Amino acid sequence: MSRIEITEAELAAAYDEAIGAEDAGLTTVDLVELTGWGKGKVLVTMKKLIGAGQWESVFVRRTSILTGITRPVVAYRPVVTSD
């Protein structure tokens, strides 16, 4: 398995860019579009960041462009720590 070199700053920058858009969380599709990475790299990266306690998985509501139905989908956001 190849090692993926990423920085939390890259993901945090993508999150900050999109945070005002809809809900407080980025879907896999959002992260692919914002980072330019492939879906596989995004998923592996998020799994590592969640395991490290730096990001968390949440549900956000999104409206399907095909059906118009709003439903919860998995998204990710940085864990907020109060220091």
Protein backbone atom coordinates (compact mmCIF):
# COMPACT_ATOMS: atom_id res chain seq x y z
CA MET A 1 0.00 0.00 0.00
CA SER A 2 1.38 3.41 -0.89
CA ARG A 3 1.64 6.13 1.70
CA ILE A 4 -0.44 9.26 1.17
CA GLU A 5 1.23 12.49 2.23
CA ILE A 6 -1.32 15.06 3.35
CA THR A 7 -1.43 17.86 5.81
CA GLU A 8 -4.24 18.76 8.12
CA ALA A 9 -3.77 22.34 6.95
CA GLU A 10 -4.82 21.33 3.41
CA LEU A 11 -8.07 19.84 4.68
CA ALA A 12 -8.68 22.67 7.13
CA ALA A 13 -8.26 25.18 4.30
CA ALA A 14 -10.81 23.31 2.19
CA TYR A 15 -13.20 23.21 5.15
CA ASP A 16 -12.81 26.94 5.82
CA GLU A 17 -13.49 27.68 2.15
CA ALA A 18 -16.80 25.83 2.17
CA ILE A 19 -18.06 26.22 5.74
CA GLY A 20 -20.54 28.98 5.00
CA ALA A 21 -22.09 27.11 2.09
CA GLU A 22 -24.70 24.79 3.62
CA ASP A 23 -24.14 22.76 6.76
CA ALA A 24 -21.12 22.51 9.02
CA GLY A 25 -19.55 19.55 7.28
CA LEU A 26 -18.01 18.52 3.99
CA THR A 27 -19.17 15.44 2.10
CA THR A 28 -16.75 13.19 0.25
CA VAL A 29 -17.85 14.86 -3.00
CA ASP A 30 -17.20 18.30 -1.48
CA LEU A 31 -13.70 17.25 -0.41
CA VAL A 32 -12.91 15.77 -3.83
CA GLU A 33 -13.94 19.02 -5.52
CA LEU A 34 -12.16 21.30 -3.04
CA THR A 35 -8.88 19.39 -2.79
CA GLY A 36 -8.61 17.96 -6.29
CA TRP A 37 -7.87 14.54 -4.78
CA GLY A 38 -9.53 11.30 -5.83
CA LYS A 39 -12.35 9.76 -3.80
CA GLY A 40 -10.07 6.98 -2.53
CA LYS A 41 -7.48 9.42 -1.20
CA VAL A 42 -10.17 11.50 0.50
CA LEU A 43 -11.68 8.43 2.22
CA VAL A 44 -8.31 7.07 3.37
CA THR A 45 -7.29 10.50 4.64
CA MET A 46 -10.53 11.04 6.52
CA LYS A 47 -10.28 7.59 8.11
CA LYS A 48 -6.80 8.48 9.39
CA LEU A 49 -7.86 11.90 10.67
CA ILE A 50 -10.93 10.47 12.41
CA GLY A 51 -8.76 7.77 13.97
CA ALA A 52 -6.38 10.45 15.21
CA GLY A 53 -9.28 12.35 16.77
CA GLN A 54 -8.73 15.42 14.58
CA TRP A 55 -11.88 15.16 12.44
CA GLU A 56 -15.31 13.63 13.04
CA SER A 57 -18.03 12.11 10.90
CA VAL A 58 -21.41 13.87 10.99
CA PHE A 59 -24.64 13.87 9.05
CA VAL A 60 -25.68 16.90 7.00
CA ARG A 61 -28.81 17.38 4.94
CA ARG A 62 -28.42 17.59 1.19
CA THR A 63 -31.02 17.85 -1.57
CA SER A 64 -30.70 15.39 -4.45
CA ILE A 65 -30.42 17.10 -7.81
CA LEU A 66 -32.24 14.16 -9.41
CA THR A 67 -35.21 13.76 -7.07
CA GLY A 68 -35.33 17.02 -5.11
CA ILE A 69 -35.57 15.02 -1.89
CA THR A 70 -33.55 16.26 1.08
CA ARG A 71 -31.84 13.50 3.05
CA PRO A 72 -29.01 13.08 5.54
CA VAL A 73 -25.60 12.22 4.08
CA VAL A 74 -22.27 11.53 5.75
CA ALA A 75 -19.94 14.51 6.01
CA TYR A 76 -16.76 15.40 7.89
CA ARG A 77 -15.62 18.33 9.99
CA PRO A 78 -12.68 19.16 12.22
CA VAL A 79 -13.09 18.38 15.90
CA VAL A 80 -13.41 21.60 17.86
CA THR A 81 -11.39 21.57 21.04
CA SER A 82 -11.88 24.12 23.78
CA ASP A 83 -8.47 24.98 25.16
